[in-house]
Amino acid sequence: MHGVAYDFIFNRRLWKDIQLRANFSYYIMKDYTFVSSWRARTMWGRQVTSVDEVHKTGLELDISGHIIDSLGFYASFSAYDYENKGDPNIHVDKEFSNRAKYRINAGLDYALFKDTKLMLDYRYQDDQVQTINEGDENDPPELWRTYEVKMDAYHLYDFAIKQNIFKKWGFARNGELKLFINNLLDEDYQNDNGYPATGRTYGIYAKFDF
């Protein structure tokens, strides 16, 4: 693959430590190759597809910093669009349209005490269509089953309490304990393979350095 890439990046400190970053990209890619999964014509239902020319347009926006000393935040937005500029090919267009176009990530962290932090994270993904191939790897390709799963847009919230438990203990340093709840609102959504994703999950996480 070869081509030309244009990136326009803007960085700006807005106030105190609040930073804004914007990146607009435009890529012209020749002989673009990807592994497609829209039909079972080869083993494992995959086939390498080459496109003469693809244009990719992207926009990324990031902002982060502290509203007050104890309250930090971050937010990011991304949008990508792929366009086939080569010979018309319904399967290529379908592959590109299957990809989620918009994503948002955001979060807040609040220093409740000196060594205790509360964290709330948010994730959003636009709707998309996922092509699934099912079959036994010992079966010929024509026996594989190919179908599509429509994946709705989803909103996820994760919450955690992080506690710094020690700075140094023997050979260990920077001990940290985290209690978390993922998918706080028990959202129903599909993972990247089109299957129901994990619901509300509770856990505990410990970390330290040597």
N, C-alpha and C. Protein backbone atom coordinates (compact mmCIF):
# COMPACT_ATOMS: atom_id res chain seq x y z
N MET A 1 0.84 -1.18 0.00
CA MET A 1 0.00 0.00 0.00
C MET A 1 0.88 1.24 0.00
N HIS A 2 0.48 2.25 -0.75
CA HIS A 2 1.22 3.51 -0.78
C HIS A 2 0.21 4.63 -1.04
N GLY A 3 0.64 5.86 -0.87
CA GLY A 3 -0.28 6.97 -1.08
C GLY A 3 0.23 8.25 -0.45
N VAL A 4 -0.71 9.15 -0.18
CA VAL A 4 -0.38 10.46 0.38
C VAL A 4 -1.25 10.69 1.61
N ALA A 5 -0.65 11.25 2.67
CA ALA A 5 -1.39 11.52 3.91
C ALA A 5 -1.26 12.99 4.27
N TYR A 6 -2.39 13.59 4.63
CA TYR A 6 -2.40 14.98 5.07
C TYR A 6 -2.97 15.02 6.50
N ASP A 7 -2.23 15.63 7.41
CA ASP A 7 -2.68 15.79 8.80
C ASP A 7 -2.54 17.26 9.19
N PHE A 8 -3.63 17.82 9.69
CA PHE A 8 -3.62 19.20 10.18
C PHE A 8 -3.91 19.14 11.68
N ILE A 9 -2.93 19.50 12.49
CA ILE A 9 -3.04 19.35 13.95
C ILE A 9 -3.00 20.73 14.61
N PHE A 10 -3.93 20.91 15.54
CA PHE A 10 -4.01 22.17 16.29
C PHE A 10 -3.95 21.86 17.78
N ASN A 11 -3.03 22.49 18.47
CA ASN A 11 -2.90 22.34 19.93
C ASN A 11 -3.01 23.71 20.59
N ARG A 12 -3.75 23.77 21.69
CA ARG A 12 -3.94 25.06 22.35
C ARG A 12 -4.23 24.86 23.83
N ARG A 13 -3.53 25.61 24.67
CA ARG A 13 -3.88 25.63 26.09
C ARG A 13 -4.96 26.68 26.27
N LEU A 14 -6.12 26.25 26.75
CA LEU A 14 -7.26 27.15 26.87
C LEU A 14 -7.25 27.94 28.16
N TRP A 15 -6.96 27.23 29.28
CA TRP A 15 -7.00 27.89 30.58
C TRP A 15 -6.34 26.98 31.60
N LYS A 16 -5.42 27.53 32.40
CA LYS A 16 -4.67 26.72 33.35
C LYS A 16 -4.07 25.51 32.65
N ASP A 17 -4.42 24.28 33.07
CA ASP A 17 -3.84 23.11 32.41
C ASP A 17 -4.80 22.47 31.41
N ILE A 18 -5.87 23.16 31.03
CA ILE A 18 -6.84 22.61 30.08
C ILE A 18 -6.28 22.74 28.66
N GLN A 19 -6.11 21.60 28.01
CA GLN A 19 -5.52 21.54 26.68
C GLN A 19 -6.55 21.07 25.66
N LEU A 20 -6.53 21.68 24.49
CA LEU A 20 -7.37 21.27 23.37
C LEU A 20 -6.49 20.82 22.22
N ARG A 21 -6.83 19.68 21.65
CA ARG A 21 -6.10 19.17 20.49
C ARG A 21 -7.10 18.76 19.42
N ALA A 22 -6.89 19.23 18.20
CA ALA A 22 -7.75 18.87 17.07
C ALA A 22 -6.87 18.34 15.95
N ASN A 23 -7.30 17.26 15.34
CA ASN A 23 -6.54 16.65 14.25
C ASN A 23 -7.49 16.31 13.11
N PHE A 24 -7.30 16.95 11.97
CA PHE A 24 -8.05 16.61 10.76
C PHE A 24 -7.11 15.88 9.82
N SER A 25 -7.51 14.72 9.34
CA SER A 25 -6.65 13.92 8.46
C SER A 25 -7.37 13.56 7.18
N TYR A 26 -6.58 13.48 6.12
CA TYR A 26 -7.12 13.05 4.83
C TYR A 26 -6.05 12.19 4.16
N TYR A 27 -6.37 10.89 3.97
CA TYR A 27 -5.42 9.94 3.40
C TYR A 27 -5.91 9.47 2.03
N ILE A 28 -5.01 9.46 1.07
CA ILE A 28 -5.27 8.86 -0.24
C ILE A 28 -4.40 7.62 -0.33
N MET A 29 -5.03 6.45 -0.29
CA MET A 29 -4.29 5.19 -0.22
C MET A 29 -4.47 4.38 -1.50
N LYS A 30 -3.37 4.02 -2.12
CA LYS A 30 -3.37 3.22 -3.34
C LYS A 30 -3.12 1.75 -2.98
N ASP A 31 -3.74 0.86 -3.73
CA ASP A 31 -3.58 -0.59 -3.50
C ASP A 31 -3.84 -0.93 -2.04
N TYR A 32 -4.95 -0.44 -1.52
CA TYR A 32 -5.35 -0.66 -0.13
C TYR A 32 -5.81 -2.11 0.02
N THR A 33 -5.20 -2.84 0.95
CA THR A 33 -5.51 -4.26 1.16
C THR A 33 -6.04 -4.48 2.57
N PHE A 34 -7.11 -5.27 2.68
CA PHE A 34 -7.65 -5.60 3.99
C PHE A 34 -8.22 -7.01 3.95
N VAL A 35 -8.38 -7.61 5.12
CA VAL A 35 -8.97 -8.93 5.24
C VAL A 35 -10.47 -8.76 5.40
N SER A 36 -11.22 -9.17 4.41
CA SER A 36 -12.68 -9.00 4.44
C SER A 36 -13.34 -10.26 4.98
N SER A 37 -14.53 -10.08 5.54
CA SER A 37 -15.25 -11.23 6.12
C SER A 37 -16.69 -11.27 5.63
N TRP A 38 -16.94 -10.67 4.46
CA TRP A 38 -18.32 -10.57 3.99
C TRP A 38 -18.81 -11.80 3.27
N ARG A 39 -17.94 -12.76 3.02
CA ARG A 39 -18.43 -14.00 2.41
C ARG A 39 -17.47 -15.14 2.74
N ALA A 40 -18.01 -16.34 2.81
CA ALA A 40 -17.19 -17.52 3.13
C ALA A 40 -16.78 -18.19 1.83
N ARG A 41 -15.71 -17.75 1.22
CA ARG A 41 -15.22 -18.34 -0.02
C ARG A 41 -13.83 -18.94 0.17
N THR A 42 -13.24 -18.70 1.32
CA THR A 42 -11.95 -19.27 1.62
C THR A 42 -12.02 -19.87 3.03
N MET A 43 -11.00 -20.58 3.42
CA MET A 43 -10.98 -21.17 4.75
C MET A 43 -11.13 -20.08 5.81
N TRP A 44 -11.92 -20.38 6.84
CA TRP A 44 -12.25 -19.47 7.93
C TRP A 44 -13.09 -18.28 7.46
N GLY A 45 -13.67 -18.36 6.28
CA GLY A 45 -14.60 -17.34 5.83
C GLY A 45 -13.96 -15.98 5.62
N ARG A 46 -12.68 -15.94 5.30
CA ARG A 46 -12.01 -14.67 5.11
C ARG A 46 -11.34 -14.62 3.74
N GLN A 47 -11.20 -13.43 3.23
CA GLN A 47 -10.58 -13.27 1.93
C GLN A 47 -9.85 -11.93 1.89
N VAL A 48 -8.63 -11.94 1.38
CA VAL A 48 -7.87 -10.70 1.24
C VAL A 48 -8.39 -9.95 0.02
N THR A 49 -8.79 -8.71 0.22
CA THR A 49 -9.34 -7.88 -0.84
C THR A 49 -8.45 -6.66 -1.04
N SER A 50 -8.19 -6.33 -2.30
CA SER A 50 -7.38 -5.17 -2.64
C SER A 50 -8.23 -4.16 -3.39
N VAL A 51 -8.11 -2.90 -3.00
CA VAL A 51 -8.86 -1.81 -3.62
C VAL A 51 -7.86 -0.86 -4.27
N ASP A 52 -8.16 -0.44 -5.52
CA ASP A 52 -7.22 0.41 -6.25
C ASP A 52 -6.92 1.71 -5.51
N GLU A 53 -7.98 2.36 -4.99
CA GLU A 53 -7.77 3.64 -4.31
C GLU A 53 -8.86 3.85 -3.26
N VAL A 54 -8.44 4.22 -2.07
CA VAL A 54 -9.37 4.49 -0.97
C VAL A 54 -9.02 5.84 -0.37
N HIS A 55 -10.06 6.64 -0.09
CA HIS A 55 -9.87 7.92 0.60
C HIS A 55 -10.43 7.79 2.01
N LYS A 56 -9.62 8.16 2.98
CA LYS A 56 -10.03 8.10 4.38
C LYS A 56 -10.00 9.51 4.97
N THR A 57 -11.13 9.94 5.50
CA THR A 57 -11.24 11.25 6.12
C THR A 57 -11.47 11.06 7.62
N GLY A 58 -10.72 11.78 8.42
CA GLY A 58 -10.84 11.60 9.86
C GLY A 58 -10.82 12.92 10.62
N LEU A 59 -11.50 12.92 11.76
CA LEU A 59 -11.50 14.07 12.65
C LEU A 59 -11.38 13.57 14.08
N GLU A 60 -10.41 14.12 14.82
CA GLU A 60 -10.23 13.77 16.23
C GLU A 60 -10.15 15.05 17.05
N LEU A 61 -10.95 15.09 18.12
CA LEU A 61 -10.94 16.23 19.03
C LEU A 61 -10.70 15.71 20.44
N ASP A 62 -9.76 16.32 21.14
CA ASP A 62 -9.44 15.92 22.52
C ASP A 62 -9.32 17.16 23.39
N ILE A 63 -9.91 17.10 24.57
CA ILE A 63 -9.75 18.17 25.54
C ILE A 63 -9.61 17.53 26.92
N SER A 64 -8.69 18.07 27.74
CA SER A 64 -8.46 17.49 29.06
C SER A 64 -7.86 18.54 29.98
N GLY A 65 -7.96 18.28 31.26
CA GLY A 65 -7.39 19.19 32.24
C GLY A 65 -8.14 19.11 33.56
N HIS A 66 -8.06 20.18 34.34
CA HIS A 66 -8.73 20.23 35.64
C HIS A 66 -9.66 21.44 35.70
N ILE A 67 -10.89 21.19 36.12
CA ILE A 67 -11.85 22.27 36.33
C ILE A 67 -11.49 23.02 37.61
N ILE A 68 -11.24 22.25 38.67
CA ILE A 68 -10.63 22.75 39.90
C ILE A 68 -9.52 21.76 40.25
N ASP A 69 -8.71 22.08 41.25
CA ASP A 69 -7.55 21.22 41.55
C ASP A 69 -7.94 19.77 41.80
N SER A 70 -9.07 19.55 42.43
CA SER A 70 -9.46 18.18 42.79
C SER A 70 -10.33 17.49 41.74
N LEU A 71 -10.73 18.20 40.70
CA LEU A 71 -11.65 17.64 39.70
C LEU A 71 -11.03 17.73 38.30
N GLY A 72 -10.64 16.58 37.77
CA GLY A 72 -10.09 16.51 36.42
C GLY A 72 -11.08 15.92 35.45
N PHE A 73 -10.84 16.14 34.16
CA PHE A 73 -11.75 15.61 33.15
C PHE A 73 -10.99 15.38 31.85
N TYR A 74 -11.60 14.56 30.98
CA TYR A 74 -11.12 14.40 29.61
C TYR A 74 -12.31 14.09 28.72
N ALA A 75 -12.21 14.45 27.47
CA ALA A 75 -13.27 14.14 26.50
C ALA A 75 -12.62 14.04 25.12
N SER A 76 -13.04 13.06 24.35
CA SER A 76 -12.51 12.90 23.00
C SER A 76 -13.63 12.45 22.06
N PHE A 77 -13.54 12.94 20.84
CA PHE A 77 -14.51 12.60 19.79
C PHE A 77 -13.73 12.23 18.54
N SER A 78 -14.15 11.16 17.88
CA SER A 78 -13.50 10.76 16.63
C SER A 78 -14.54 10.36 15.60
N ALA A 79 -14.25 10.69 14.35
CA ALA A 79 -15.13 10.33 13.24
C ALA A 79 -14.25 9.96 12.05
N TYR A 80 -14.56 8.81 11.42
CA TYR A 80 -13.79 8.36 10.28
C TYR A 80 -14.73 7.92 9.16
N ASP A 81 -14.33 8.23 7.93
CA ASP A 81 -15.14 7.84 6.78
C ASP A 81 -14.21 7.29 5.71
N TYR A 82 -14.55 6.10 5.20
CA TYR A 82 -13.78 5.46 4.13
C TYR A 82 -14.61 5.53 2.84
N GLU A 83 -13.94 5.86 1.73
CA GLU A 83 -14.64 5.94 0.45
C GLU A 83 -13.82 5.23 -0.62
N ASN A 84 -14.46 4.32 -1.33
CA ASN A 84 -13.82 3.58 -2.41
C ASN A 84 -13.80 4.45 -3.66
N LYS A 85 -12.60 4.80 -4.13
CA LYS A 85 -12.46 5.60 -5.33
C LYS A 85 -12.02 4.77 -6.53
N GLY A 86 -11.93 3.45 -6.32
CA GLY A 86 -11.54 2.57 -7.41
C GLY A 86 -12.77 2.07 -8.16
N ASP A 87 -12.65 0.89 -8.75
CA ASP A 87 -13.77 0.31 -9.48
C ASP A 87 -14.93 0.02 -8.53
N PRO A 88 -16.18 0.23 -8.98
CA PRO A 88 -17.34 -0.05 -8.11
C PRO A 88 -17.31 -1.50 -7.64
N ASN A 89 -17.53 -1.70 -6.35
CA ASN A 89 -17.52 -3.03 -5.78
C ASN A 89 -18.44 -3.02 -4.57
N ILE A 90 -19.58 -3.67 -4.68
CA ILE A 90 -20.59 -3.63 -3.63
C ILE A 90 -20.06 -4.23 -2.32
N HIS A 91 -19.18 -5.23 -2.44
CA HIS A 91 -18.65 -5.87 -1.24
C HIS A 91 -17.67 -4.94 -0.50
N VAL A 92 -16.87 -4.19 -1.25
CA VAL A 92 -15.95 -3.25 -0.63
C VAL A 92 -16.72 -2.14 0.07
N ASP A 93 -17.73 -1.59 -0.62
CA ASP A 93 -18.54 -0.54 -0.02
C ASP A 93 -19.22 -1.04 1.25
N LYS A 94 -19.65 -2.30 1.22
CA LYS A 94 -20.31 -2.89 2.37
C LYS A 94 -19.34 -3.03 3.54
N GLU A 95 -18.11 -3.45 3.24
CA GLU A 95 -17.10 -3.59 4.28
C GLU A 95 -16.83 -2.26 4.98
N PHE A 96 -16.73 -1.21 4.21
CA PHE A 96 -16.46 0.11 4.79
C PHE A 96 -17.65 0.64 5.57
N SER A 97 -18.86 0.40 5.07
CA SER A 97 -20.04 0.91 5.76
C SER A 97 -20.31 0.15 7.05
N ASN A 98 -19.71 -1.04 7.19
CA ASN A 98 -19.90 -1.83 8.41
C ASN A 98 -19.18 -1.23 9.62
N ARG A 99 -18.28 -0.31 9.39
CA ARG A 99 -17.46 0.22 10.48
C ARG A 99 -18.17 1.37 11.18
N ALA A 100 -18.08 1.37 12.50
CA ALA A 100 -18.69 2.47 13.26
C ALA A 100 -17.98 3.78 12.90
N LYS A 101 -18.77 4.82 12.63
CA LYS A 101 -18.21 6.08 12.17
C LYS A 101 -17.83 7.00 13.33
N TYR A 102 -18.65 7.03 14.38
CA TYR A 102 -18.45 7.99 15.46
C TYR A 102 -18.15 7.27 16.78
N ARG A 103 -17.23 7.84 17.55
CA ARG A 103 -16.93 7.34 18.89
C ARG A 103 -16.67 8.53 19.82
N ILE A 104 -17.09 8.38 21.07
CA ILE A 104 -16.88 9.40 22.09
C ILE A 104 -16.36 8.72 23.35
N ASN A 105 -15.35 9.29 23.97
CA ASN A 105 -14.86 8.85 25.28
C ASN A 105 -14.76 10.08 26.18
N ALA A 106 -15.19 9.94 27.41
CA ALA A 106 -15.12 11.06 28.35
C ALA A 106 -15.01 10.51 29.76
N GLY A 107 -14.55 11.36 30.66
CA GLY A 107 -14.43 10.91 32.04
C GLY A 107 -14.16 12.04 33.01
N LEU A 108 -14.47 11.76 34.26
CA LEU A 108 -14.21 12.68 35.38
C LEU A 108 -13.44 11.92 36.45
N ASP A 109 -12.53 12.60 37.12
CA ASP A 109 -11.89 12.02 38.31
C ASP A 109 -11.85 13.07 39.41
N TYR A 110 -12.25 12.65 40.59
CA TYR A 110 -12.37 13.57 41.72
C TYR A 110 -11.54 13.06 42.89
N ALA A 111 -10.64 13.92 43.38
CA ALA A 111 -9.81 13.55 44.53
C ALA A 111 -10.61 13.76 45.81
N LEU A 112 -11.22 12.68 46.29
CA LEU A 112 -12.06 12.77 47.49
C LEU A 112 -11.20 13.07 48.72
N PHE A 113 -10.09 12.35 48.84
CA PHE A 113 -9.08 12.60 49.87
C PHE A 113 -7.72 12.62 49.19
N LYS A 114 -6.68 12.79 50.00
CA LYS A 114 -5.34 12.88 49.43
C LYS A 114 -4.99 11.66 48.59
N ASP A 115 -5.31 10.46 49.07
CA ASP A 115 -4.94 9.22 48.38
C ASP A 115 -6.14 8.46 47.83
N THR A 116 -7.28 9.10 47.76
CA THR A 116 -8.51 8.44 47.29
C THR A 116 -9.11 9.22 46.13
N LYS A 117 -9.37 8.52 45.05
CA LYS A 117 -9.91 9.17 43.86
C LYS A 117 -11.14 8.42 43.35
N LEU A 118 -12.18 9.18 42.99
CA LEU A 118 -13.38 8.64 42.36
C LEU A 118 -13.30 8.90 40.86
N MET A 119 -13.65 7.88 40.08
CA MET A 119 -13.53 8.01 38.62
C MET A 119 -14.80 7.52 37.93
N LEU A 120 -15.27 8.31 36.98
CA LEU A 120 -16.43 7.96 36.17
C LEU A 120 -16.05 8.11 34.70
N ASP A 121 -16.21 7.04 33.93
CA ASP A 121 -15.86 7.04 32.50
C ASP A 121 -17.10 6.75 31.65
N TYR A 122 -17.11 7.35 30.47
CA TYR A 122 -18.25 7.22 29.54
C TYR A 122 -17.71 6.86 28.16
N ARG A 123 -18.40 5.92 27.50
CA ARG A 123 -18.03 5.53 26.14
C ARG A 123 -19.28 5.47 25.26
N TYR A 124 -19.13 5.96 24.05
CA TYR A 124 -20.22 5.89 23.07
C TYR A 124 -19.66 5.39 21.75
N GLN A 125 -20.42 4.52 21.08
CA GLN A 125 -20.05 4.09 19.74
C GLN A 125 -21.29 4.11 18.85
N ASP A 126 -21.10 4.60 17.64
CA ASP A 126 -22.18 4.68 16.67
C ASP A 126 -22.63 3.27 16.26
N ASP A 127 -23.82 3.19 15.68
CA ASP A 127 -24.31 1.88 15.24
C ASP A 127 -23.51 1.39 14.03
N GLN A 128 -23.52 0.09 13.82
CA GLN A 128 -22.82 -0.51 12.70
C GLN A 128 -23.43 -1.88 12.41
N VAL A 129 -22.97 -2.51 11.34
CA VAL A 129 -23.40 -3.86 10.98
C VAL A 129 -22.16 -4.75 10.97
N GLN A 130 -22.23 -5.86 11.68
CA GLN A 130 -21.10 -6.78 11.75
C GLN A 130 -21.43 -8.05 10.96
N THR A 131 -20.51 -8.46 10.07
CA THR A 131 -20.68 -9.70 9.32
C THR A 131 -20.01 -10.84 10.07
N ILE A 132 -20.77 -11.91 10.33
CA ILE A 132 -20.28 -13.05 11.11
C ILE A 132 -20.19 -14.27 10.21
N ASN A 133 -19.09 -15.01 10.33
CA ASN A 133 -18.93 -16.28 9.63
C ASN A 133 -18.80 -17.39 10.65
N GLU A 134 -19.59 -18.44 10.48
CA GLU A 134 -19.56 -19.56 11.41
C GLU A 134 -19.37 -20.86 10.65
N GLY A 135 -18.57 -21.74 11.21
CA GLY A 135 -18.34 -23.04 10.60
C GLY A 135 -17.14 -23.71 11.24
N ASP A 136 -16.98 -24.98 10.96
CA ASP A 136 -15.84 -25.72 11.46
C ASP A 136 -14.66 -25.53 10.50
N GLU A 137 -13.47 -25.29 11.08
CA GLU A 137 -12.32 -25.02 10.22
C GLU A 137 -11.97 -26.19 9.32
N ASN A 138 -12.50 -27.39 9.60
CA ASN A 138 -12.24 -28.55 8.74
C ASN A 138 -13.25 -28.67 7.60
N ASP A 139 -14.31 -27.84 7.65
CA ASP A 139 -15.32 -27.88 6.59
C ASP A 139 -14.88 -27.05 5.39
N PRO A 140 -15.33 -27.44 4.19
CA PRO A 140 -15.04 -26.60 3.02
C PRO A 140 -15.77 -25.26 3.16
N PRO A 141 -15.26 -24.21 2.51
CA PRO A 141 -15.84 -22.87 2.66
C PRO A 141 -17.33 -22.80 2.35
N GLU A 142 -17.80 -23.59 1.39
CA GLU A 142 -19.21 -23.49 1.00
C GLU A 142 -20.16 -23.95 2.09
N LEU A 143 -19.65 -24.66 3.11
CA LEU A 143 -20.51 -25.10 4.21
C LEU A 143 -20.57 -24.09 5.35
N TRP A 144 -19.77 -23.05 5.25
CA TRP A 144 -19.81 -22.02 6.29
C TRP A 144 -21.08 -21.20 6.17
N ARG A 145 -21.52 -20.68 7.31
CA ARG A 145 -22.72 -19.84 7.34
C ARG A 145 -22.31 -18.39 7.57
N THR A 146 -22.78 -17.50 6.72
CA THR A 146 -22.47 -16.08 6.82
C THR A 146 -23.76 -15.30 7.06
N TYR A 147 -23.74 -14.44 8.05
CA TYR A 147 -24.92 -13.62 8.34
C TYR A 147 -24.49 -12.29 8.93
N GLU A 148 -25.42 -11.36 9.00
CA GLU A 148 -25.13 -10.02 9.50
C GLU A 148 -25.86 -9.77 10.81
N VAL A 149 -25.21 -9.03 11.68
CA VAL A 149 -25.80 -8.63 12.96
C VAL A 149 -25.77 -7.11 13.03
N LYS A 150 -26.94 -6.51 13.20
CA LYS A 150 -27.01 -5.07 13.35
C LYS A 150 -26.68 -4.71 14.80
N MET A 151 -25.67 -3.91 14.97
CA MET A 151 -25.23 -3.52 16.30
C MET A 151 -25.66 -2.08 16.55
N ASP A 152 -26.57 -1.91 17.49
CA ASP A 152 -27.07 -0.57 17.81
C ASP A 152 -26.00 0.27 18.48
N ALA A 153 -26.16 1.57 18.39
CA ALA A 153 -25.29 2.47 19.14
C ALA A 153 -25.46 2.20 20.63
N TYR A 154 -24.41 2.43 21.40
CA TYR A 154 -24.52 2.18 22.83
C TYR A 154 -23.79 3.25 23.64
N HIS A 155 -24.22 3.38 24.89
CA HIS A 155 -23.63 4.29 25.86
C HIS A 155 -23.22 3.46 27.09
N LEU A 156 -21.96 3.54 27.48
CA LEU A 156 -21.48 2.77 28.62
C LEU A 156 -20.88 3.70 29.67
N TYR A 157 -21.15 3.36 30.94
CA TYR A 157 -20.58 4.10 32.06
C TYR A 157 -19.83 3.13 32.97
N ASP A 158 -18.62 3.49 33.34
CA ASP A 158 -17.82 2.71 34.29
C ASP A 158 -17.49 3.60 35.49
N PHE A 159 -17.53 3.00 36.68
CA PHE A 159 -17.23 3.76 37.90
C PHE A 159 -16.18 3.02 38.70
N ALA A 160 -15.28 3.77 39.32
CA ALA A 160 -14.22 3.14 40.11
C ALA A 160 -13.80 4.03 41.27
N ILE A 161 -13.32 3.40 42.32
CA ILE A 161 -12.68 4.08 43.45
C ILE A 161 -11.24 3.59 43.51
N LYS A 162 -10.30 4.51 43.41
CA LYS A 162 -8.88 4.14 43.44
C LYS A 162 -8.26 4.64 44.74
N GLN A 163 -7.55 3.74 45.41
CA GLN A 163 -6.92 4.08 46.69
C GLN A 163 -5.43 3.78 46.60
N ASN A 164 -4.60 4.79 46.83
CA ASN A 164 -3.17 4.57 46.94
C ASN A 164 -2.89 4.03 48.34
N ILE A 165 -2.34 2.81 48.44
CA ILE A 165 -2.19 2.17 49.75
C ILE A 165 -0.78 2.26 50.32
N PHE A 166 0.22 2.45 49.47
CA PHE A 166 1.57 2.70 49.98
C PHE A 166 2.43 3.27 48.86
N LYS A 167 3.46 4.00 49.26
CA LYS A 167 4.44 4.50 48.30
C LYS A 167 5.62 3.53 48.20
N LYS A 168 5.99 2.93 49.35
CA LYS A 168 7.06 1.95 49.35
C LYS A 168 6.83 0.95 50.45
N TRP A 169 6.95 -0.33 50.10
CA TRP A 169 6.77 -1.41 51.07
C TRP A 169 7.71 -2.54 50.69
N GLY A 170 8.83 -2.64 51.38
CA GLY A 170 9.84 -3.62 51.00
C GLY A 170 10.40 -3.29 49.62
N PHE A 171 10.32 -4.27 48.71
CA PHE A 171 10.77 -4.05 47.34
C PHE A 171 9.67 -3.44 46.46
N ALA A 172 8.46 -3.38 46.98
CA ALA A 172 7.33 -2.88 46.19
C ALA A 172 7.19 -1.37 46.34
N ARG A 173 6.68 -0.74 45.28
CA ARG A 173 6.46 0.70 45.27
C ARG A 173 5.11 1.01 44.63
N ASN A 174 4.59 2.17 45.00
CA ASN A 174 3.37 2.70 44.37
C ASN A 174 2.22 1.70 44.39
N GLY A 175 1.88 1.19 45.55
CA GLY A 175 0.77 0.26 45.68
C GLY A 175 -0.57 0.96 45.46
N GLU A 176 -1.43 0.29 44.71
CA GLU A 176 -2.71 0.89 44.34
C GLU A 176 -3.81 -0.18 44.38
N LEU A 177 -4.94 0.17 44.92
CA LEU A 177 -6.10 -0.73 44.98
C LEU A 177 -7.28 -0.03 44.33
N LYS A 178 -7.97 -0.75 43.47
CA LYS A 178 -9.10 -0.15 42.75
C LYS A 178 -10.32 -1.06 42.84
N LEU A 179 -11.43 -0.50 43.23
CA LEU A 179 -12.73 -1.18 43.20
C LEU A 179 -13.51 -0.59 42.03
N PHE A 180 -14.06 -1.44 41.17
CA PHE A 180 -14.70 -0.91 39.98
C PHE A 180 -16.04 -1.58 39.68
N ILE A 181 -16.88 -0.85 38.97
CA ILE A 181 -18.13 -1.37 38.41
C ILE A 181 -18.12 -0.99 36.93
N ASN A 182 -17.99 -1.97 36.06
CA ASN A 182 -18.06 -1.72 34.62
C ASN A 182 -19.49 -1.89 34.12
N ASN A 183 -19.84 -1.11 33.11
CA ASN A 183 -21.21 -1.11 32.59
C ASN A 183 -22.19 -0.83 33.73
N LEU A 184 -22.00 0.30 34.35
CA LEU A 184 -22.72 0.68 35.57
C LEU A 184 -24.23 0.58 35.42
N LEU A 185 -24.78 0.98 34.27
CA LEU A 185 -26.23 0.99 34.06
C LEU A 185 -26.74 -0.30 33.43
N ASP A 186 -25.87 -1.31 33.33
CA ASP A 186 -26.24 -2.62 32.78
C ASP A 186 -26.83 -2.50 31.37
N GLU A 187 -26.11 -1.77 30.52
CA GLU A 187 -26.54 -1.55 29.14
C GLU A 187 -26.47 -2.84 28.33
N ASP A 188 -27.48 -3.09 27.49
CA ASP A 188 -27.46 -4.21 26.55
C ASP A 188 -26.80 -3.75 25.26
N TYR A 189 -25.71 -4.39 24.88
CA TYR A 189 -25.03 -4.04 23.63
C TYR A 189 -24.24 -5.25 23.13
N GLN A 190 -23.73 -5.16 21.90
CA GLN A 190 -22.98 -6.26 21.32
C GLN A 190 -21.50 -5.93 21.28
N ASN A 191 -20.66 -6.98 21.42
CA ASN A 191 -19.23 -6.77 21.29
C ASN A 191 -18.84 -6.76 19.81
N ASP A 192 -17.53 -6.71 19.53
CA ASP A 192 -17.07 -6.57 18.14
C ASP A 192 -17.43 -7.77 17.27
N ASN A 193 -17.74 -8.91 17.88
CA ASN A 193 -18.13 -10.09 17.12
C ASN A 193 -19.64 -10.22 16.96
N GLY A 194 -20.37 -9.23 17.46
CA GLY A 194 -21.81 -9.25 17.30
C GLY A 194 -22.55 -10.03 18.37
N TYR A 195 -21.86 -10.52 19.39
CA TYR A 195 -22.50 -11.29 20.45
C TYR A 195 -22.81 -10.37 21.64
N PRO A 196 -23.81 -10.73 22.46
CA PRO A 196 -24.13 -9.90 23.63
C PRO A 196 -22.90 -9.71 24.51
N ALA A 197 -22.62 -8.47 24.87
CA ALA A 197 -21.45 -8.16 25.68
C ALA A 197 -21.76 -8.32 27.16
N THR A 198 -20.74 -8.22 27.97
CA THR A 198 -20.89 -8.41 29.41
C THR A 198 -21.74 -7.32 30.03
N GLY A 199 -22.63 -7.71 30.92
CA GLY A 199 -23.47 -6.75 31.63
C GLY A 199 -22.70 -6.08 32.76
N ARG A 200 -23.43 -5.62 33.76
CA ARG A 200 -22.78 -4.96 34.89
C ARG A 200 -21.80 -5.92 35.56
N THR A 201 -20.57 -5.45 35.79
CA THR A 201 -19.52 -6.29 36.35
C THR A 201 -18.84 -5.58 37.50
N TYR A 202 -18.64 -6.30 38.61
CA TYR A 202 -17.96 -5.77 39.78
C TYR A 202 -16.59 -6.41 39.88
N GLY A 203 -15.62 -5.66 40.34
CA GLY A 203 -14.30 -6.26 40.47
C GLY A 203 -13.38 -5.46 41.37
N ILE A 204 -12.24 -6.06 41.65
CA ILE A 204 -11.20 -5.41 42.44
C ILE A 204 -9.87 -5.62 41.74
N TYR A 205 -9.04 -4.60 41.76
CA TYR A 205 -7.81 -4.61 41.01
C TYR A 205 -6.69 -4.06 41.88
N ALA A 206 -5.57 -4.76 41.94
CA ALA A 206 -4.41 -4.31 42.72
C ALA A 206 -3.20 -4.18 41.81
N LYS A 207 -2.39 -3.17 42.08
CA LYS A 207 -1.22 -2.93 41.24
C LYS A 207 -0.09 -2.34 42.08
N PHE A 208 1.14 -2.76 41.79
CA PHE A 208 2.30 -2.15 42.42
C PHE A 208 3.51 -2.40 41.53
N ASP A 209 4.53 -1.59 41.71
CA ASP A 209 5.77 -1.68 40.91
C ASP A 209 6.90 -2.23 41.76
N PHE A 210 7.88 -2.82 41.07
CA PHE A 210 9.10 -3.26 41.74
C PHE A 210 10.26 -2.36 41.32
